[in-house]
Amino acid sequence: MEDGVFGALISAPCATELTALINAGLKVYALSVDVNARGLGEKVRDDIVITDYNGFVQLSIAHSCIQSWY
Protein backbone atom coordinates (compact mmCIF):
# COMPACT_ATOMS: atom_id res chain seq x y z
CA MET A 1 0.00 0.00 0.00
CA GLU A 2 1.05 3.55 -0.68
CA ASP A 3 4.87 3.95 -0.48
CA GLY A 4 5.16 0.37 0.79
CA VAL A 5 5.18 -0.72 -2.85
CA PHE A 6 8.80 0.42 -3.08
CA GLY A 7 9.56 -2.73 -1.08
CA ALA A 8 8.46 -4.73 -4.15
CA LEU A 9 11.52 -3.60 -6.11
CA ILE A 10 14.51 -5.88 -6.67
CA SER A 11 16.74 -3.10 -5.33
CA ALA A 12 14.70 -2.58 -2.13
CA PRO A 13 16.69 -2.65 1.14
CA CYS A 14 14.57 -5.60 2.30
CA ALA A 15 15.00 -7.62 -0.94
CA THR A 16 17.07 -10.42 0.60
CA GLU A 17 14.67 -10.96 3.49
CA LEU A 18 11.65 -10.75 1.19
CA THR A 19 13.16 -13.34 -1.15
CA ALA A 20 13.65 -15.72 1.76
CA LEU A 21 10.01 -15.29 2.83
CA ILE A 22 8.70 -15.81 -0.69
CA ASN A 23 10.90 -18.89 -1.11
CA ALA A 24 9.41 -20.22 2.13
CA GLY A 25 5.93 -20.00 0.60
CA LEU A 26 4.72 -16.54 1.64
CA LYS A 27 2.68 -14.69 -0.98
CA VAL A 28 3.33 -10.96 -1.25
CA TYR A 29 0.87 -8.57 -2.88
CA ALA A 30 1.07 -4.96 -4.03
CA LEU A 31 -1.84 -2.68 -4.94
CA SER A 32 -1.80 -1.85 -8.64
CA VAL A 33 -2.98 1.75 -8.13
CA ASP A 34 -0.08 2.46 -5.79
CA VAL A 35 2.45 0.71 -8.05
CA ASN A 36 1.23 2.66 -11.08
CA ALA A 37 0.98 5.99 -9.22
CA ARG A 38 4.70 5.73 -8.47
CA GLY A 39 5.70 4.64 -11.98
CA LEU A 40 6.89 1.23 -10.82
CA GLY A 41 4.81 -0.94 -13.15
CA GLU A 42 7.81 -2.39 -14.99
CA LYS A 43 10.12 -2.43 -11.95
CA VAL A 44 8.20 -4.67 -9.51
CA ARG A 45 9.69 -8.09 -8.86
CA ASP A 46 8.16 -10.96 -10.82
CA ASP A 47 7.34 -12.88 -7.63
CA ILE A 48 5.11 -10.10 -6.27
CA VAL A 49 1.39 -10.44 -7.05
CA ILE A 50 -0.16 -7.20 -8.28
CA THR A 51 -3.79 -6.82 -7.23
CA ASP A 52 -6.54 -4.24 -7.50
CA TYR A 53 -8.89 -3.02 -4.77
CA ASN A 54 -11.32 -5.88 -5.36
CA GLY A 55 -8.48 -8.36 -4.87
CA PHE A 56 -7.43 -6.50 -1.73
CA VAL A 57 -10.93 -6.80 -0.30
CA GLN A 58 -10.97 -10.53 -1.09
CA LEU A 59 -7.63 -10.96 0.67
CA SER A 60 -8.97 -9.05 3.69
CA ILE A 61 -12.00 -11.34 3.84
CA ALA A 62 -9.93 -14.50 3.44
CA HIS A 63 -7.39 -13.69 6.17
CA SER A 64 -8.20 -12.94 9.79
CA CYS A 65 -5.00 -11.03 10.60
CA ILE A 66 -4.50 -7.84 8.61
CA GLN A 67 -1.49 -5.58 9.29
CA SER A 68 -0.63 -2.28 7.71
CA TRP A 69 2.36 -0.07 8.48
CA TYR A 70 1.38 3.27 7.10
PDB file of N, CA and C in Angstrom:
ATOM      1  N   MET A   1       0.833  -1.185   0.000  1.00  0.00           N
ATOM      2  CA  MET A   1       0.000   0.000   0.000  1.00  0.00           C
ATOM      3  C   MET A   1       0.877   1.247   0.000  1.00  0.00           C
ATOM      4  N   GLU A   2       0.398   2.248  -0.626  1.00  0.00           N
ATOM      5  CA  GLU A   2       1.050   3.550  -0.683  1.00  0.00           C
ATOM      6  C   GLU A   2       2.545   3.390  -0.974  1.00  0.00           C
ATOM      7  N   ASP A   3       3.432   4.043  -0.206  1.00  0.00           N
ATOM      8  CA  ASP A   3       4.869   3.948  -0.484  1.00  0.00           C
ATOM      9  C   ASP A   3       5.462   2.580  -0.148  1.00  0.00           C
ATOM     10  N   GLY A   4       4.687   1.724   0.497  1.00  0.00           N
ATOM     11  CA  GLY A   4       5.161   0.371   0.794  1.00  0.00           C
ATOM     12  C   GLY A   4       5.475  -0.417  -0.463  1.00  0.00           C
ATOM     13  N   VAL A   5       4.914  -0.007  -1.608  1.00  0.00           N
ATOM     14  CA  VAL A   5       5.179  -0.724  -2.848  1.00  0.00           C
ATOM     15  C   VAL A   5       6.640  -0.618  -3.285  1.00  0.00           C
ATOM     16  N   PHE A   6       7.371   0.345  -2.761  1.00  0.00           N
ATOM     17  CA  PHE A   6       8.798   0.423  -3.078  1.00  0.00           C
ATOM     18  C   PHE A   6       9.538  -0.817  -2.572  1.00  0.00           C
ATOM     19  N   GLY A   7       8.986  -1.482  -1.577  1.00  0.00           N
ATOM     20  CA  GLY A   7       9.563  -2.734  -1.084  1.00  0.00           C
ATOM     21  C   GLY A   7       9.439  -3.870  -2.076  1.00  0.00           C
ATOM     22  N   ALA A   8       8.644  -3.705  -3.118  1.00  0.00           N
ATOM     23  CA  ALA A   8       8.459  -4.734  -4.145  1.00  0.00           C
ATOM     24  C   ALA A   8       9.521  -4.669  -5.237  1.00  0.00           C
ATOM     25  N   LEU A   9      10.455  -3.742  -5.112  1.00  0.00           N
ATOM     26  CA  LEU A   9      11.519  -3.602  -6.108  1.00  0.00           C
ATOM     27  C   LEU A   9      12.668  -4.545  -5.807  1.00  0.00           C
ATOM     28  N   ILE A  10      13.344  -5.005  -6.844  1.00  0.00           N
ATOM     29  CA  ILE A  10      14.509  -5.881  -6.673  1.00  0.00           C
ATOM     30  C   ILE A  10      15.587  -5.182  -5.859  1.00  0.00           C
ATOM     31  N   SER A  11      15.698  -3.877  -6.017  1.00  0.00           N
ATOM     32  CA  SER A  11      16.738  -3.102  -5.333  1.00  0.00           C
ATOM     33  C   SER A  11      16.330  -2.620  -3.942  1.00  0.00           C
ATOM     34  N   ALA A  12      15.171  -3.031  -3.448  1.00  0.00           N
ATOM     35  CA  ALA A  12      14.702  -2.582  -2.134  1.00  0.00           C
ATOM     36  C   ALA A  12      15.651  -3.048  -1.028  1.00  0.00           C
ATOM     37  N   PRO A  13      15.807  -2.254   0.033  1.00  0.00           N
ATOM     38  CA  PRO A  13      16.690  -2.651   1.142  1.00  0.00           C
ATOM     39  C   PRO A  13      16.303  -3.983   1.774  1.00  0.00           C
ATOM     40  N   CYS A  14      15.038  -4.363   1.685  1.00  0.00           N
ATOM     41  CA  CYS A  14      14.569  -5.603   2.301  1.00  0.00           C
ATOM     42  C   CYS A  14      14.514  -6.767   1.306  1.00  0.00           C
ATOM     43  N   ALA A  15      15.128  -6.631   0.137  1.00  0.00           N
ATOM     44  CA  ALA A  15      14.999  -7.619  -0.936  1.00  0.00           C
ATOM     45  C   ALA A  15      15.461  -9.010  -0.523  1.00  0.00           C
ATOM     46  N   THR A  16      16.551  -9.113   0.188  1.00  0.00           N
ATOM     47  CA  THR A  16      17.065 -10.424   0.596  1.00  0.00           C
ATOM     48  C   THR A  16      16.099 -11.118   1.543  1.00  0.00           C
ATOM     49  N   GLU A  17      15.617 -10.394   2.530  1.00  0.00           N
ATOM     50  CA  GLU A  17      14.669 -10.961   3.489  1.00  0.00           C
ATOM     51  C   GLU A  17      13.352 -11.329   2.814  1.00  0.00           C
ATOM     52  N   LEU A  18      12.893 -10.488   1.897  1.00  0.00           N
ATOM     53  CA  LEU A  18      11.650 -10.748   1.189  1.00  0.00           C
ATOM     54  C   LEU A  18      11.778 -11.993   0.310  1.00  0.00           C
ATOM     55  N   THR A  19      12.914 -12.143  -0.340  1.00  0.00           N
ATOM     56  CA  THR A  19      13.159 -13.336  -1.154  1.00  0.00           C
ATOM     57  C   THR A  19      13.087 -14.593  -0.309  1.00  0.00           C
ATOM     58  N   ALA A  20      13.674 -14.566   0.867  1.00  0.00           N
ATOM     59  CA  ALA A  20      13.645 -15.725   1.761  1.00  0.00           C
ATOM     60  C   ALA A  20      12.207 -16.066   2.159  1.00  0.00           C
ATOM     61  N   LEU A  21      11.411 -15.059   2.456  1.00  0.00           N
ATOM     62  CA  LEU A  21      10.013 -15.295   2.833  1.00  0.00           C
ATOM     63  C   LEU A  21       9.201 -15.865   1.666  1.00  0.00           C
ATOM     64  N   ILE A  22       9.414 -15.317   0.492  1.00  0.00           N
ATOM     65  CA  ILE A  22       8.702 -15.815  -0.685  1.00  0.00           C
ATOM     66  C   ILE A  22       9.120 -17.251  -0.988  1.00  0.00           C
ATOM     67  N   ASN A  23      10.405 -17.530  -0.884  1.00  0.00           N
ATOM     68  CA  ASN A  23      10.902 -18.892  -1.115  1.00  0.00           C
ATOM     69  C   ASN A  23      10.356 -19.873  -0.092  1.00  0.00           C
ATOM     70  N   ALA A  24       9.991 -19.376   1.083  1.00  0.00           N
ATOM     71  CA  ALA A  24       9.412 -20.219   2.131  1.00  0.00           C
ATOM     72  C   ALA A  24       7.902 -20.406   1.935  1.00  0.00           C
ATOM     73  N   GLY A  25       7.337 -19.795   0.901  1.00  0.00           N
ATOM     74  CA  GLY A  25       5.933 -19.999   0.603  1.00  0.00           C
ATOM     75  C   GLY A  25       5.008 -18.831   0.879  1.00  0.00           C
ATOM     76  N   LEU A  26       5.540 -17.716   1.370  1.00  0.00           N
ATOM     77  CA  LEU A  26       4.722 -16.539   1.641  1.00  0.00           C
ATOM     78  C   LEU A  26       4.352 -15.848   0.330  1.00  0.00           C
ATOM     79  N   LYS A  27       3.101 -15.460   0.189  1.00  0.00           N
ATOM     80  CA  LYS A  27       2.678 -14.692  -0.981  1.00  0.00           C
ATOM     81  C   LYS A  27       2.683 -13.214  -0.608  1.00  0.00           C
ATOM     82  N   VAL A  28       3.239 -12.399  -1.485  1.00  0.00           N
ATOM     83  CA  VAL A  28       3.335 -10.964  -1.254  1.00  0.00           C
ATOM     84  C   VAL A  28       2.553 -10.258  -2.352  1.00  0.00           C
ATOM     85  N   TYR A  29       1.743  -9.299  -1.960  1.00  0.00           N
ATOM     86  CA  TYR A  29       0.874  -8.567  -2.877  1.00  0.00           C
ATOM     87  C   TYR A  29       1.193  -7.077  -2.835  1.00  0.00           C
ATOM     88  N   ALA A  30       0.942  -6.414  -3.957  1.00  0.00           N
ATOM     89  CA  ALA A  30       1.066  -4.960  -4.031  1.00  0.00           C
ATOM     90  C   ALA A  30      -0.170  -4.425  -4.757  1.00  0.00           C
ATOM     91  N   LEU A  31      -0.671  -3.302  -4.308  1.00  0.00           N
ATOM     92  CA  LEU A  31      -1.842  -2.678  -4.941  1.00  0.00           C
ATOM     93  C   LEU A  31      -1.436  -2.003  -6.250  1.00  0.00           C
ATOM     94  N   SER A  32      -2.128  -2.368  -7.308  1.00  0.00           N
ATOM     95  CA  SER A  32      -1.798  -1.848  -8.641  1.00  0.00           C
ATOM     96  C   SER A  32      -1.880  -0.326  -8.712  1.00  0.00           C
ATOM     97  N   VAL A  33      -2.859   0.282  -8.061  1.00  0.00           N
ATOM     98  CA  VAL A  33      -2.983   1.746  -8.134  1.00  0.00           C
ATOM     99  C   VAL A  33      -1.776   2.437  -7.501  1.00  0.00           C
ATOM    100  N   ASP A  34      -1.247   1.858  -6.439  1.00  0.00           N
ATOM    101  CA  ASP A  34      -0.079   2.457  -5.786  1.00  0.00           C
ATOM    102  C   ASP A  34       1.196   2.202  -6.591  1.00  0.00           C
ATOM    103  N   VAL A  35       1.308   1.018  -7.181  1.00  0.00           N
ATOM    104  CA  VAL A  35       2.449   0.710  -8.048  1.00  0.00           C
ATOM    105  C   VAL A  35       2.455   1.672  -9.231  1.00  0.00           C
ATOM    106  N   ASN A  36       1.317   1.804  -9.890  1.00  0.00           N
ATOM    107  CA  ASN A  36       1.231   2.663 -11.079  1.00  0.00           C
ATOM    108  C   ASN A  36       1.388   4.139 -10.749  1.00  0.00           C
ATOM    109  N   ALA A  37       0.869   4.579  -9.607  1.00  0.00           N
ATOM    110  CA  ALA A  37       0.980   5.989  -9.221  1.00  0.00           C
ATOM    111  C   ALA A  37       2.432   6.408  -9.020  1.00  0.00           C
ATOM    112  N   ARG A  38       3.288   5.444  -8.707  1.00  0.00           N
ATOM    113  CA  ARG A  38       4.699   5.735  -8.468  1.00  0.00           C
ATOM    114  C   ARG A  38       5.576   5.354  -9.655  1.00  0.00           C
ATOM    115  N   GLY A  39       4.955   4.968 -10.762  1.00  0.00           N
ATOM    116  CA  GLY A  39       5.700   4.644 -11.978  1.00  0.00           C
ATOM    117  C   GLY A  39       6.541   3.387 -11.866  1.00  0.00           C
ATOM    118  N   LEU A  40       6.098   2.429 -11.064  1.00  0.00           N
ATOM    119  CA  LEU A  40       6.892   1.227 -10.816  1.00  0.00           C
ATOM    120  C   LEU A  40       6.389  -0.002 -11.567  1.00  0.00           C
ATOM    121  N   GLY A  41       5.440   0.183 -12.476  1.00  0.00           N
ATOM    122  CA  GLY A  41       4.807  -0.936 -13.151  1.00  0.00           C
ATOM    123  C   GLY A  41       5.767  -1.945 -13.750  1.00  0.00           C
ATOM    124  N   GLU A  42       6.845  -1.499 -14.348  1.00  0.00           N
ATOM    125  CA  GLU A  42       7.813  -2.394 -14.986  1.00  0.00           C
ATOM    126  C   GLU A  42       8.971  -2.760 -14.059  1.00  0.00           C
ATOM    127  N   LYS A  43       8.988  -2.244 -12.850  1.00  0.00           N
ATOM    128  CA  LYS A  43      10.118  -2.429 -11.948  1.00  0.00           C
ATOM    129  C   LYS A  43       9.840  -3.366 -10.780  1.00  0.00           C
ATOM    130  N   VAL A  44       8.582  -3.794 -10.628  1.00  0.00           N
ATOM    131  CA  VAL A  44       8.202  -4.666  -9.514  1.00  0.00           C
ATOM    132  C   VAL A  44       8.720  -6.078  -9.789  1.00  0.00           C
ATOM    133  N   ARG A  45       9.182  -6.720  -8.748  1.00  0.00           N
ATOM    134  CA  ARG A  45       9.691  -8.090  -8.864  1.00  0.00           C
ATOM    135  C   ARG A  45       8.629  -9.005  -9.467  1.00  0.00           C
ATOM    136  N   ASP A  46       9.075 -10.013 -10.187  1.00  0.00           N
ATOM    137  CA  ASP A  46       8.156 -10.959 -10.824  1.00  0.00           C
ATOM    138  C   ASP A  46       7.420 -11.840  -9.820  1.00  0.00           C
ATOM    139  N   ASP A  47       7.973 -11.999  -8.625  1.00  0.00           N
ATOM    140  CA  ASP A  47       7.342 -12.884  -7.634  1.00  0.00           C
ATOM    141  C   ASP A  47       6.378 -12.144  -6.700  1.00  0.00           C
ATOM    142  N   ILE A  48       6.092 -10.883  -7.000  1.00  0.00           N
ATOM    143  CA  ILE A  48       5.106 -10.096  -6.267  1.00  0.00           C
ATOM    144  C   ILE A  48       3.801 -10.126  -7.061  1.00  0.00           C
ATOM    145  N   VAL A  49       2.698 -10.407  -6.394  1.00  0.00           N
ATOM    146  CA  VAL A  49       1.388 -10.441  -7.049  1.00  0.00           C
ATOM    147  C   VAL A  49       0.791  -9.037  -7.015  1.00  0.00           C
ATOM    148  N   ILE A  50       0.474  -8.516  -8.184  1.00  0.00           N
ATOM    149  CA  ILE A  50      -0.161  -7.199  -8.284  1.00  0.00           C
ATOM    150  C   ILE A  50      -1.670  -7.413  -8.236  1.00  0.00           C
ATOM    151  N   THR A  51      -2.341  -6.672  -7.367  1.00  0.00           N
ATOM    152  CA  THR A  51      -3.790  -6.824  -7.229  1.00  0.00           C
ATOM    153  C   THR A  51      -4.469  -5.463  -7.226  1.00  0.00           C
ATOM    154  N   ASP A  52      -5.747  -5.475  -7.526  1.00  0.00           N
ATOM    155  CA  ASP A  52      -6.539  -4.244  -7.496  1.00  0.00           C
ATOM    156  C   ASP A  52      -7.302  -4.174  -6.169  1.00  0.00           C
ATOM    157  N   TYR A  53      -8.152  -3.161  -6.030  1.00  0.00           N
ATOM    158  CA  TYR A  53      -8.889  -3.015  -4.774  1.00  0.00           C
ATOM    159  C   TYR A  53      -9.838  -4.183  -4.511  1.00  0.00           C
ATOM    160  N   ASN A  54     -10.449  -4.724  -5.559  1.00  0.00           N
ATOM    161  CA  ASN A  54     -11.318  -5.882  -5.363  1.00  0.00           C
ATOM    162  C   ASN A  54     -10.528  -7.068  -4.825  1.00  0.00           C
ATOM    163  N   GLY A  55      -9.338  -7.288  -5.366  1.00  0.00           N
ATOM    164  CA  GLY A  55      -8.476  -8.358  -4.869  1.00  0.00           C
ATOM    165  C   GLY A  55      -8.062  -8.116  -3.429  1.00  0.00           C
ATOM    166  N   PHE A  56      -7.796  -6.849  -3.092  1.00  0.00           N
ATOM    167  CA  PHE A  56      -7.428  -6.498  -1.725  1.00  0.00           C
ATOM    168  C   PHE A  56      -8.560  -6.819  -0.748  1.00  0.00           C
ATOM    169  N   VAL A  57      -9.770  -6.499  -1.147  1.00  0.00           N
ATOM    170  CA  VAL A  57     -10.927  -6.804  -0.300  1.00  0.00           C
ATOM    171  C   VAL A  57     -11.054  -8.316  -0.121  1.00  0.00           C
ATOM    172  N   GLN A  58     -10.891  -9.063  -1.189  1.00  0.00           N
ATOM    173  CA  GLN A  58     -10.973 -10.526  -1.093  1.00  0.00           C
ATOM    174  C   GLN A  58      -9.900 -11.082  -0.169  1.00  0.00           C
ATOM    175  N   LEU A  59      -8.701 -10.539  -0.237  1.00  0.00           N
ATOM    176  CA  LEU A  59      -7.631 -10.965   0.672  1.00  0.00           C
ATOM    177  C   LEU A  59      -7.990 -10.632   2.119  1.00  0.00           C
ATOM    178  N   SER A  60      -8.572  -9.459   2.337  1.00  0.00           N
ATOM    179  CA  SER A  60      -8.970  -9.050   3.689  1.00  0.00           C
ATOM    180  C   SER A  60     -10.046  -9.963   4.257  1.00  0.00           C
ATOM    181  N   ILE A  61     -10.944 -10.420   3.404  1.00  0.00           N
ATOM    182  CA  ILE A  61     -11.999 -11.335   3.840  1.00  0.00           C
ATOM    183  C   ILE A  61     -11.426 -12.718   4.143  1.00  0.00           C
ATOM    184  N   ALA A  62     -10.471 -13.141   3.322  1.00  0.00           N
ATOM    185  CA  ALA A  62      -9.926 -14.501   3.437  1.00  0.00           C
ATOM    186  C   ALA A  62      -8.976 -14.679   4.623  1.00  0.00           C
ATOM    187  N   HIS A  63      -8.404 -13.587   5.110  1.00  0.00           N
ATOM    188  CA  HIS A  63      -7.392 -13.687   6.169  1.00  0.00           C
ATOM    189  C   HIS A  63      -7.831 -12.906   7.409  1.00  0.00           C
ATOM    190  N   SER A  64      -7.719 -13.561   8.566  1.00  0.00           N
ATOM    191  CA  SER A  64      -8.204 -12.941   9.794  1.00  0.00           C
ATOM    192  C   SER A  64      -7.251 -11.903  10.377  1.00  0.00           C
ATOM    193  N   CYS A  65      -5.990 -11.974  10.055  1.00  0.00           N
ATOM    194  CA  CYS A  65      -5.001 -11.029  10.602  1.00  0.00           C
ATOM    195  C   CYS A  65      -4.531 -10.097   9.499  1.00  0.00           C
ATOM    196  N   ILE A  66      -4.880  -8.853   9.600  1.00  0.00           N
ATOM    197  CA  ILE A  66      -4.500  -7.842   8.608  1.00  0.00           C
ATOM    198  C   ILE A  66      -3.606  -6.821   9.305  1.00  0.00           C
ATOM    199  N   GLN A  67      -2.400  -6.566   8.715  1.00  0.00           N
ATOM    200  CA  GLN A  67      -1.489  -5.583   9.288  1.00  0.00           C
ATOM    201  C   GLN A  67      -1.114  -4.573   8.221  1.00  0.00           C
ATOM    202  N   SER A  68      -1.048  -3.335   8.607  1.00  0.00           N
ATOM    203  CA  SER A  68      -0.628  -2.279   7.708  1.00  0.00           C
ATOM    204  C   SER A  68       0.302  -1.361   8.481  1.00  0.00           C
ATOM    205  N   TRP A  69       1.366  -0.919   7.817  1.00  0.00           N
ATOM    206  CA  TRP A  69       2.360  -0.069   8.478  1.00  0.00           C
ATOM    207  C   TRP A  69       2.434   1.292   7.827  1.00  0.00           C
ATOM    208  N   TYR A  70       1.319   1.928   7.660  1.00  0.00           N
ATOM    209  CA  TYR A  70       1.380   3.272   7.103  1.00  0.00           C
ATOM    210  C   TYR A  70       0.708   4.248   8.021  1.00  0.00           C
TER     211      TYR A  70
END
